[in-house]
N, C-alpha and C. Protein backbone atom coordinates (compact mmCIF):
# COMPACT_ATOMS: atom_id res chain seq x y z
N MET A 1 -0.52 -14.26 1.03
CA MET A 1 0.40 -13.91 2.38
C MET A 1 -0.54 -13.95 3.61
N PRO A 2 -0.80 -14.71 4.39
CA PRO A 2 -1.69 -14.54 5.53
C PRO A 2 -0.77 -13.70 6.42
N LYS A 3 -1.55 -12.82 7.32
CA LYS A 3 -0.88 -11.66 8.31
C LYS A 3 0.24 -12.57 8.91
N GLN A 4 0.29 -13.75 9.27
CA GLN A 4 1.32 -14.26 10.32
C GLN A 4 2.46 -14.31 9.23
N LYS A 5 2.60 -14.65 7.96
CA LYS A 5 3.51 -14.81 7.02
C LYS A 5 4.11 -13.32 7.08
N LEU A 6 3.20 -12.48 6.89
CA LEU A 6 3.81 -11.04 6.70
C LEU A 6 4.73 -10.79 8.06
N LYS A 7 4.05 -10.86 9.05
CA LYS A 7 4.86 -10.69 10.54
C LYS A 7 5.97 -11.44 10.46
N ASP A 8 5.93 -12.89 10.18
CA ASP A 8 7.05 -13.67 10.05
C ASP A 8 8.24 -12.97 9.21
N PHE A 9 7.84 -12.73 8.04
CA PHE A 9 8.79 -11.85 7.03
C PHE A 9 9.60 -10.61 7.85
N LEU A 10 8.77 -10.00 8.41
CA LEU A 10 9.24 -8.75 8.97
C LEU A 10 10.01 -9.16 10.26
N ASP A 11 9.62 -10.13 10.90
CA ASP A 11 10.64 -10.59 12.05
C ASP A 11 11.72 -11.22 11.67
N SER A 12 11.85 -12.02 10.50
CA SER A 12 13.03 -12.41 10.06
C SER A 12 14.13 -11.43 9.48
N GLU A 13 13.44 -10.17 9.07
CA GLU A 13 14.33 -9.01 8.77
C GLU A 13 14.69 -8.34 9.78
N GLY A 14 14.33 -8.46 10.90
CA GLY A 14 14.76 -7.88 12.13
C GLY A 14 13.83 -6.34 12.39
N VAL A 15 12.89 -6.28 11.62
CA VAL A 15 12.10 -5.03 11.54
C VAL A 15 11.21 -5.01 12.78
N LYS A 16 11.12 -3.76 13.30
CA LYS A 16 10.21 -3.59 14.48
C LYS A 16 8.94 -2.79 13.99
N TYR A 17 7.97 -3.54 14.41
CA TYR A 17 6.54 -2.93 13.92
C TYR A 17 5.55 -3.03 15.03
N VAL A 18 4.62 -2.47 14.99
CA VAL A 18 3.48 -2.29 15.92
C VAL A 18 2.16 -2.87 15.13
N SER A 19 1.49 -3.69 15.91
CA SER A 19 0.18 -4.36 15.37
C SER A 19 -0.89 -3.66 15.93
N ILE A 20 -1.84 -3.22 15.02
CA ILE A 20 -2.98 -2.43 15.68
C ILE A 20 -4.30 -3.23 15.05
N VAL A 21 -5.14 -3.67 16.23
CA VAL A 21 -6.27 -4.31 15.94
C VAL A 21 -7.50 -3.25 15.93
N HIS A 22 -8.27 -3.32 15.04
CA HIS A 22 -9.34 -2.11 15.17
C HIS A 22 -10.63 -2.62 14.43
N SER A 23 -11.90 -2.10 14.58
CA SER A 23 -13.11 -2.43 14.26
C SER A 23 -13.07 -2.50 12.68
N PRO A 24 -13.84 -3.53 12.22
CA PRO A 24 -13.92 -3.52 10.62
C PRO A 24 -13.96 -2.15 10.16
N ALA A 25 -13.08 -1.81 9.00
CA ALA A 25 -13.13 -0.89 8.26
C ALA A 25 -12.87 -1.20 6.88
N PHE A 26 -13.43 -0.43 5.83
CA PHE A 26 -13.04 -0.78 4.38
C PHE A 26 -12.52 0.29 3.58
N THR A 27 -12.64 1.54 3.87
CA THR A 27 -12.07 2.63 3.19
C THR A 27 -10.87 2.97 4.07
N ALA A 28 -9.93 3.58 3.31
CA ALA A 28 -8.46 4.01 3.92
C ALA A 28 -8.96 4.92 5.12
N GLN A 29 -9.86 5.89 4.76
CA GLN A 29 -10.09 7.02 5.82
C GLN A 29 -10.82 6.32 7.07
N GLU A 30 -11.68 5.37 6.90
CA GLU A 30 -12.38 4.62 7.74
C GLU A 30 -11.31 3.92 8.76
N VAL A 31 -10.25 3.23 8.06
CA VAL A 31 -9.13 2.48 8.73
C VAL A 31 -8.47 3.25 9.55
N ALA A 32 -8.07 4.65 9.10
CA ALA A 32 -7.24 5.57 9.93
C ALA A 32 -8.09 6.00 11.15
N ALA A 33 -9.27 6.17 10.96
CA ALA A 33 -10.16 6.69 12.02
C ALA A 33 -10.33 5.75 12.97
N SER A 34 -10.45 4.54 12.54
CA SER A 34 -10.89 3.46 13.43
C SER A 34 -9.58 3.12 14.33
N ALA A 35 -8.50 3.14 13.61
CA ALA A 35 -6.91 2.72 14.31
C ALA A 35 -6.60 4.00 15.05
N HIS A 36 -7.23 5.15 14.98
CA HIS A 36 -6.72 6.35 15.56
C HIS A 36 -5.16 6.48 15.39
N ILE A 37 -4.97 6.64 13.98
CA ILE A 37 -3.74 7.03 13.31
C ILE A 37 -3.91 8.25 12.33
N PRO A 38 -3.07 9.02 11.96
CA PRO A 38 -3.13 10.07 11.00
C PRO A 38 -3.23 9.35 9.55
N GLY A 39 -4.20 9.83 8.72
CA GLY A 39 -4.39 9.39 7.42
C GLY A 39 -2.99 9.46 6.68
N ARG A 40 -2.15 10.81 7.00
CA ARG A 40 -1.20 10.93 6.03
C ARG A 40 -0.05 9.62 6.08
N ILE A 41 -0.12 8.90 7.28
CA ILE A 41 0.81 7.82 7.39
C ILE A 41 0.21 6.61 7.08
N LEU A 42 -1.09 6.43 6.59
CA LEU A 42 -1.79 5.08 6.25
C LEU A 42 -1.64 4.86 4.87
N ALA A 43 -1.02 3.87 4.46
CA ALA A 43 -0.70 3.57 3.12
C ALA A 43 -2.09 2.96 2.57
N LYS A 44 -2.48 3.48 1.43
CA LYS A 44 -3.71 2.90 0.56
C LYS A 44 -3.03 2.24 -0.82
N THR A 45 -3.09 0.99 -0.59
CA THR A 45 -2.55 0.25 -1.92
C THR A 45 -3.65 0.25 -3.05
N VAL A 46 -3.47 0.85 -4.12
CA VAL A 46 -4.22 1.11 -5.42
C VAL A 46 -3.56 0.24 -6.45
N MET A 47 -4.18 -0.85 -6.83
CA MET A 47 -3.95 -1.76 -7.93
C MET A 47 -4.10 -1.04 -9.25
N VAL A 48 -3.13 -0.98 -10.10
CA VAL A 48 -3.14 -0.48 -11.33
C VAL A 48 -2.46 -1.16 -12.34
N ARG A 49 -2.64 -1.02 -13.60
CA ARG A 49 -1.93 -1.71 -14.80
C ARG A 49 -1.13 -0.72 -15.39
N ILE A 50 0.02 -0.87 -15.62
CA ILE A 50 0.99 0.20 -16.21
C ILE A 50 1.53 -0.61 -17.54
N ASP A 51 1.11 -0.19 -18.63
CA ASP A 51 1.24 -0.74 -19.76
C ASP A 51 0.92 -2.27 -19.73
N GLY A 52 0.03 -2.75 -19.19
CA GLY A 52 -0.56 -3.98 -18.91
C GLY A 52 0.08 -4.78 -17.72
N GLN A 53 1.08 -4.20 -17.01
CA GLN A 53 1.64 -4.82 -16.00
C GLN A 53 1.05 -4.43 -14.77
N LEU A 54 0.46 -5.57 -13.89
CA LEU A 54 -0.08 -5.28 -12.74
C LEU A 54 0.75 -4.63 -11.59
N SER A 55 0.55 -3.63 -10.97
CA SER A 55 1.33 -2.89 -10.13
C SER A 55 0.80 -2.19 -9.02
N MET A 56 1.60 -1.96 -7.94
CA MET A 56 0.83 -1.19 -6.83
C MET A 56 1.22 0.10 -6.75
N ALA A 57 0.12 1.14 -6.58
CA ALA A 57 0.36 2.51 -6.56
C ALA A 57 0.06 2.65 -5.16
N VAL A 58 0.93 3.04 -4.34
CA VAL A 58 0.52 3.47 -2.92
C VAL A 58 0.68 4.97 -2.52
N VAL A 59 -0.57 5.39 -1.76
CA VAL A 59 -0.67 6.56 -1.49
C VAL A 59 -1.20 6.87 -0.04
N PRO A 60 -1.04 8.12 0.49
CA PRO A 60 -1.61 8.10 1.87
C PRO A 60 -3.24 8.16 1.68
N ALA A 61 -3.76 7.75 2.82
CA ALA A 61 -5.42 7.58 2.83
C ALA A 61 -5.98 8.73 2.21
N SER A 62 -5.64 9.78 2.68
CA SER A 62 -6.41 11.11 2.15
C SER A 62 -6.20 11.59 0.77
N PHE A 63 -5.44 10.62 -0.06
CA PHE A 63 -4.91 11.12 -1.40
C PHE A 63 -5.68 10.14 -2.46
N SER A 64 -5.66 10.35 -3.60
CA SER A 64 -5.70 9.42 -4.58
C SER A 64 -4.83 9.54 -5.79
N VAL A 65 -4.84 8.60 -6.35
CA VAL A 65 -3.87 8.44 -7.41
C VAL A 65 -4.31 9.39 -8.65
N ASP A 66 -3.29 10.03 -9.31
CA ASP A 66 -3.66 10.98 -10.43
C ASP A 66 -3.00 10.04 -11.42
N PHE A 67 -3.76 9.41 -12.34
CA PHE A 67 -3.29 8.51 -13.35
C PHE A 67 -2.58 9.00 -14.41
N ASP A 68 -2.81 10.26 -14.82
CA ASP A 68 -2.10 11.36 -15.76
C ASP A 68 -0.65 11.66 -15.16
N LEU A 69 -0.53 11.81 -13.88
CA LEU A 69 0.77 12.04 -13.35
C LEU A 69 1.61 10.93 -13.18
N LEU A 70 0.91 9.73 -12.85
CA LEU A 70 1.58 8.51 -12.99
C LEU A 70 2.10 8.09 -14.27
N GLN A 71 1.34 8.19 -15.04
CA GLN A 71 1.74 7.76 -16.44
C GLN A 71 2.98 8.65 -17.05
N GLY A 72 2.89 10.02 -16.76
CA GLY A 72 4.08 10.88 -17.27
C GLY A 72 5.07 10.76 -16.58
N ALA A 73 5.14 10.44 -15.08
CA ALA A 73 6.29 10.21 -14.35
C ALA A 73 6.96 8.89 -14.91
N LEU A 74 6.39 7.88 -15.40
CA LEU A 74 6.90 6.76 -15.69
C LEU A 74 7.21 6.60 -17.05
N GLY A 75 6.80 7.66 -17.73
CA GLY A 75 6.84 7.41 -19.25
C GLY A 75 6.24 6.38 -19.99
N ALA A 76 5.00 5.99 -19.38
CA ALA A 76 4.15 4.79 -19.75
C ALA A 76 3.20 5.23 -20.91
N ASP A 77 2.84 4.40 -21.64
CA ASP A 77 1.92 4.48 -22.75
C ASP A 77 0.54 4.68 -22.18
N LYS A 78 0.28 3.52 -21.05
CA LYS A 78 -1.07 3.53 -20.59
C LYS A 78 -1.06 3.22 -19.07
N VAL A 79 -1.78 3.95 -18.27
CA VAL A 79 -2.09 3.49 -16.87
C VAL A 79 -3.46 3.62 -16.69
N THR A 80 -3.98 2.38 -15.99
CA THR A 80 -5.44 2.27 -15.77
C THR A 80 -5.74 1.74 -14.39
N LEU A 81 -6.77 1.95 -13.63
CA LEU A 81 -7.03 1.32 -12.47
C LEU A 81 -7.13 -0.19 -12.91
N ALA A 82 -6.67 -1.15 -11.95
CA ALA A 82 -6.93 -2.66 -12.29
C ALA A 82 -8.46 -2.98 -11.80
N HIS A 83 -9.05 -3.76 -12.40
CA HIS A 83 -10.31 -4.46 -11.83
C HIS A 83 -10.00 -5.51 -10.82
N GLU A 84 -10.85 -5.63 -9.86
CA GLU A 84 -10.78 -6.45 -8.88
C GLU A 84 -10.53 -8.11 -9.49
N GLU A 85 -11.21 -8.43 -10.45
CA GLU A 85 -10.80 -9.74 -10.98
C GLU A 85 -9.50 -9.84 -11.71
N ASP A 86 -8.88 -8.81 -11.91
CA ASP A 86 -7.37 -8.94 -12.51
C ASP A 86 -6.55 -9.34 -11.36
N PHE A 87 -6.87 -8.97 -10.19
CA PHE A 87 -5.52 -9.28 -9.08
C PHE A 87 -6.42 -10.22 -7.93
N GLU A 88 -7.62 -10.50 -7.92
CA GLU A 88 -8.01 -11.12 -6.66
C GLU A 88 -7.22 -12.59 -6.33
N ASP A 89 -6.85 -13.19 -7.54
CA ASP A 89 -6.16 -14.44 -7.10
C ASP A 89 -4.62 -14.18 -6.92
N ARG A 90 -4.20 -13.17 -6.92
CA ARG A 90 -2.71 -12.74 -6.66
C ARG A 90 -2.51 -12.58 -5.05
N PHE A 91 -3.63 -12.54 -4.43
CA PHE A 91 -3.55 -12.29 -2.79
C PHE A 91 -4.44 -13.30 -2.31
N PRO A 92 -4.40 -14.60 -2.40
CA PRO A 92 -5.38 -15.62 -1.98
C PRO A 92 -5.63 -15.41 -0.47
N ASP A 93 -4.69 -15.00 0.34
CA ASP A 93 -4.73 -15.19 1.59
C ASP A 93 -5.15 -13.86 2.21
N CYS A 94 -5.41 -12.81 1.45
CA CYS A 94 -5.69 -11.51 1.86
C CYS A 94 -7.21 -11.17 1.63
N GLU A 95 -7.67 -10.65 2.61
CA GLU A 95 -9.03 -10.07 2.16
C GLU A 95 -8.92 -9.12 1.09
N LEU A 96 -9.84 -9.04 0.22
CA LEU A 96 -9.91 -8.39 -0.88
C LEU A 96 -9.87 -6.69 -0.66
N GLY A 97 -8.78 -6.14 -1.07
CA GLY A 97 -8.79 -4.78 -0.65
C GLY A 97 -8.01 -4.39 0.46
N ALA A 98 -7.38 -5.44 1.06
CA ALA A 98 -6.66 -5.37 2.31
C ALA A 98 -5.16 -5.91 1.94
N MET A 99 -4.62 -5.54 0.89
CA MET A 99 -3.26 -6.08 0.53
C MET A 99 -2.23 -5.14 0.92
N PRO A 100 -1.46 -5.52 1.80
CA PRO A 100 -0.14 -4.66 2.07
C PRO A 100 0.63 -4.44 0.90
N PRO A 101 1.34 -3.14 1.03
CA PRO A 101 2.03 -2.57 -0.03
C PRO A 101 3.55 -3.32 -0.19
N PHE A 102 3.55 -4.64 -0.28
CA PHE A 102 4.89 -5.40 -0.28
C PHE A 102 4.69 -6.08 -1.87
N GLY A 103 4.61 -5.36 -2.91
CA GLY A 103 4.57 -5.94 -4.02
C GLY A 103 5.82 -6.90 -4.30
N ASN A 104 6.91 -6.69 -3.70
CA ASN A 104 8.09 -7.46 -3.82
C ASN A 104 7.72 -8.93 -3.58
N LEU A 105 6.86 -8.97 -2.58
CA LEU A 105 6.41 -10.38 -2.07
C LEU A 105 5.38 -11.17 -3.00
N TYR A 106 4.93 -10.26 -3.94
CA TYR A 106 3.80 -10.90 -4.72
C TYR A 106 4.25 -10.60 -6.39
N GLY A 107 5.35 -10.39 -6.52
CA GLY A 107 6.02 -10.29 -7.90
C GLY A 107 5.59 -9.17 -8.67
N MET A 108 5.46 -8.04 -7.95
CA MET A 108 4.92 -6.85 -8.72
C MET A 108 5.67 -5.49 -8.46
N PRO A 109 5.84 -4.59 -9.20
CA PRO A 109 6.64 -3.33 -8.89
C PRO A 109 5.48 -2.55 -7.81
N VAL A 110 6.19 -1.51 -6.96
CA VAL A 110 5.56 -0.93 -6.03
C VAL A 110 5.97 0.64 -6.44
N TYR A 111 5.15 1.52 -6.48
CA TYR A 111 5.33 3.10 -6.83
C TYR A 111 4.85 3.58 -5.59
N VAL A 112 5.49 4.42 -4.60
CA VAL A 112 4.99 5.11 -3.67
C VAL A 112 4.87 6.48 -4.03
N SER A 113 3.97 7.43 -3.70
CA SER A 113 3.90 8.50 -3.63
C SER A 113 4.81 9.42 -2.79
N ARG A 114 5.30 10.22 -3.39
CA ARG A 114 6.32 11.25 -2.45
C ARG A 114 5.62 11.89 -1.42
N SER A 115 4.17 11.97 -1.41
CA SER A 115 3.45 12.51 -0.22
C SER A 115 3.62 11.64 0.79
N LEU A 116 3.54 10.21 0.67
CA LEU A 116 3.71 9.26 1.73
C LEU A 116 5.07 9.01 2.14
N ALA A 117 5.97 9.12 1.33
CA ALA A 117 7.43 9.01 1.55
C ALA A 117 8.12 10.07 2.63
N GLU A 118 7.33 11.29 2.65
CA GLU A 118 7.84 12.35 3.47
C GLU A 118 7.82 12.06 5.06
N ASN A 119 6.94 10.80 5.22
CA ASN A 119 6.69 10.53 6.64
C ASN A 119 7.99 9.58 7.35
N ASP A 120 7.90 9.73 8.47
CA ASP A 120 8.77 8.85 9.42
C ASP A 120 8.30 7.42 9.61
N GLU A 121 6.90 7.32 9.67
CA GLU A 121 6.26 6.13 9.69
C GLU A 121 5.20 5.79 8.65
N ILE A 122 4.93 4.44 8.57
CA ILE A 122 4.00 3.95 7.65
C ILE A 122 3.18 2.79 8.14
N ALA A 123 1.77 3.08 8.08
CA ALA A 123 0.71 1.94 8.34
C ALA A 123 0.17 1.36 7.30
N PHE A 124 -0.22 0.23 7.34
CA PHE A 124 -0.74 -0.43 6.11
C PHE A 124 -1.54 -1.67 6.58
N ASN A 125 -2.51 -2.08 5.66
CA ASN A 125 -3.40 -3.40 6.25
C ASN A 125 -2.60 -4.65 6.17
N ALA A 126 -2.77 -5.11 7.18
CA ALA A 126 -2.13 -6.37 7.25
C ALA A 126 -2.94 -7.63 6.86
N CYS A 127 -3.33 -7.58 5.54
CA CYS A 127 -4.07 -8.76 4.76
C CYS A 127 -5.36 -8.93 5.49
N SER A 128 -5.97 -7.87 6.00
CA SER A 128 -7.11 -7.90 6.99
C SER A 128 -7.86 -6.56 6.97
N HIS A 129 -9.15 -6.47 7.03
CA HIS A 129 -9.79 -5.19 7.16
C HIS A 129 -9.97 -4.96 8.78
N ARG A 130 -9.27 -5.53 9.73
CA ARG A 130 -9.40 -5.52 10.97
C ARG A 130 -8.00 -5.38 11.73
N GLU A 131 -6.92 -5.23 10.87
CA GLU A 131 -5.39 -5.09 11.56
C GLU A 131 -4.63 -4.30 10.64
N LEU A 132 -3.69 -3.52 11.35
CA LEU A 132 -2.77 -2.67 10.53
C LEU A 132 -1.41 -3.21 11.22
N LEU A 133 -0.38 -2.90 10.24
CA LEU A 133 0.79 -2.75 10.96
C LEU A 133 1.49 -1.37 10.74
N LYS A 134 1.95 -0.99 11.58
CA LYS A 134 2.86 0.42 11.85
C LYS A 134 4.14 -0.01 11.89
N MET A 135 5.27 0.68 11.07
CA MET A 135 6.50 0.51 11.25
C MET A 135 7.33 1.78 10.54
N ALA A 136 8.50 1.83 10.93
CA ALA A 136 9.35 3.07 10.39
C ALA A 136 9.46 2.73 8.84
N TYR A 137 9.16 4.16 8.19
CA TYR A 137 9.29 4.30 6.69
C TYR A 137 10.65 3.81 6.21
N LYS A 138 11.58 4.05 6.80
CA LYS A 138 12.99 3.83 6.32
C LYS A 138 13.06 2.16 6.20
N ASP A 139 12.55 1.40 7.02
CA ASP A 139 12.44 -0.11 7.01
C ASP A 139 11.67 -0.72 5.82
N PHE A 140 10.57 0.07 5.74
CA PHE A 140 9.68 -0.34 4.56
C PHE A 140 10.53 -0.15 3.25
N VAL A 141 11.19 0.71 3.09
CA VAL A 141 12.05 1.19 1.93
C VAL A 141 13.16 0.03 1.70
N LYS A 142 13.59 -0.30 2.90
CA LYS A 142 14.79 -1.20 2.73
C LYS A 142 14.22 -2.68 2.17
N LEU A 143 13.09 -2.93 2.70
CA LEU A 143 12.36 -4.33 2.43
C LEU A 143 11.83 -4.44 1.05
N VAL A 144 11.08 -3.12 0.66
CA VAL A 144 10.23 -3.28 -0.69
C VAL A 144 11.10 -2.66 -1.76
N ASP A 145 11.91 -1.63 -1.47
CA ASP A 145 12.57 -0.85 -2.50
C ASP A 145 11.80 -0.44 -3.61
N PRO A 146 10.90 0.59 -3.12
CA PRO A 146 9.82 1.05 -3.91
C PRO A 146 10.21 2.17 -4.84
N LYS A 147 9.81 2.49 -5.92
CA LYS A 147 10.05 3.64 -6.84
C LYS A 147 9.27 4.76 -6.05
N VAL A 148 10.02 5.84 -5.63
CA VAL A 148 9.20 7.12 -4.93
C VAL A 148 9.11 8.14 -6.28
N ILE A 149 7.86 8.56 -6.55
CA ILE A 149 7.58 9.65 -7.55
C ILE A 149 6.24 10.30 -7.05
N THR A 150 6.31 11.42 -7.70
CA THR A 150 5.00 12.29 -7.52
C THR A 150 3.89 11.93 -8.43
N PHE A 151 2.77 11.33 -7.75
CA PHE A 151 1.51 11.03 -8.48
C PHE A 151 0.25 10.96 -7.82
N SER A 152 0.11 11.78 -6.65
CA SER A 152 -1.09 11.73 -5.88
C SER A 152 -1.61 12.96 -5.72
N VAL A 153 -2.78 13.12 -5.49
CA VAL A 153 -3.47 14.46 -5.18
C VAL A 153 -4.20 14.13 -4.04
N HIS A 154 -4.62 15.25 -3.19
CA HIS A 154 -5.27 15.33 -2.00
C HIS A 154 -6.66 15.22 -2.49
N ALA A 155 -7.36 14.01 -1.92
CA ALA A 155 -8.76 13.72 -2.34
C ALA A 155 -9.81 14.71 -1.69
N ASP A 156 -10.87 15.21 -2.57
CA ASP A 156 -11.73 16.27 -1.85
C ASP A 156 -12.57 15.36 -1.17
């Protein structure tokens, strides 16, 4: 889904958002700094396999996924980090690592960390390492219907 299709989807749903163009950045913390937004609202999409199913685990930029917490919260047998080759074909129009947290548009579940869900706004990569979209968190929930659980820890 190229960023224009993502924007068209948001527009078709009547969702208000802000586009933020920034210098190229690849880690979530670099993106937040480059775009001058708080890391607590920047969603980092981490691709995981939950009992073999490709899923999105979404945490704030300054947090990381605690795989044991995620596995326990879901009652899963096995949760692992997905390898790039597991998902690179699922997002053909996105730069690798710049997938927006809209698993519903890619046929996969989305799990959002409670620490991200506590914010009024959410920002995320718009299929590019040079652009973010920022919108109301409640609108994100309306469109994606993620499962909100506790599974992230503050990164050191």
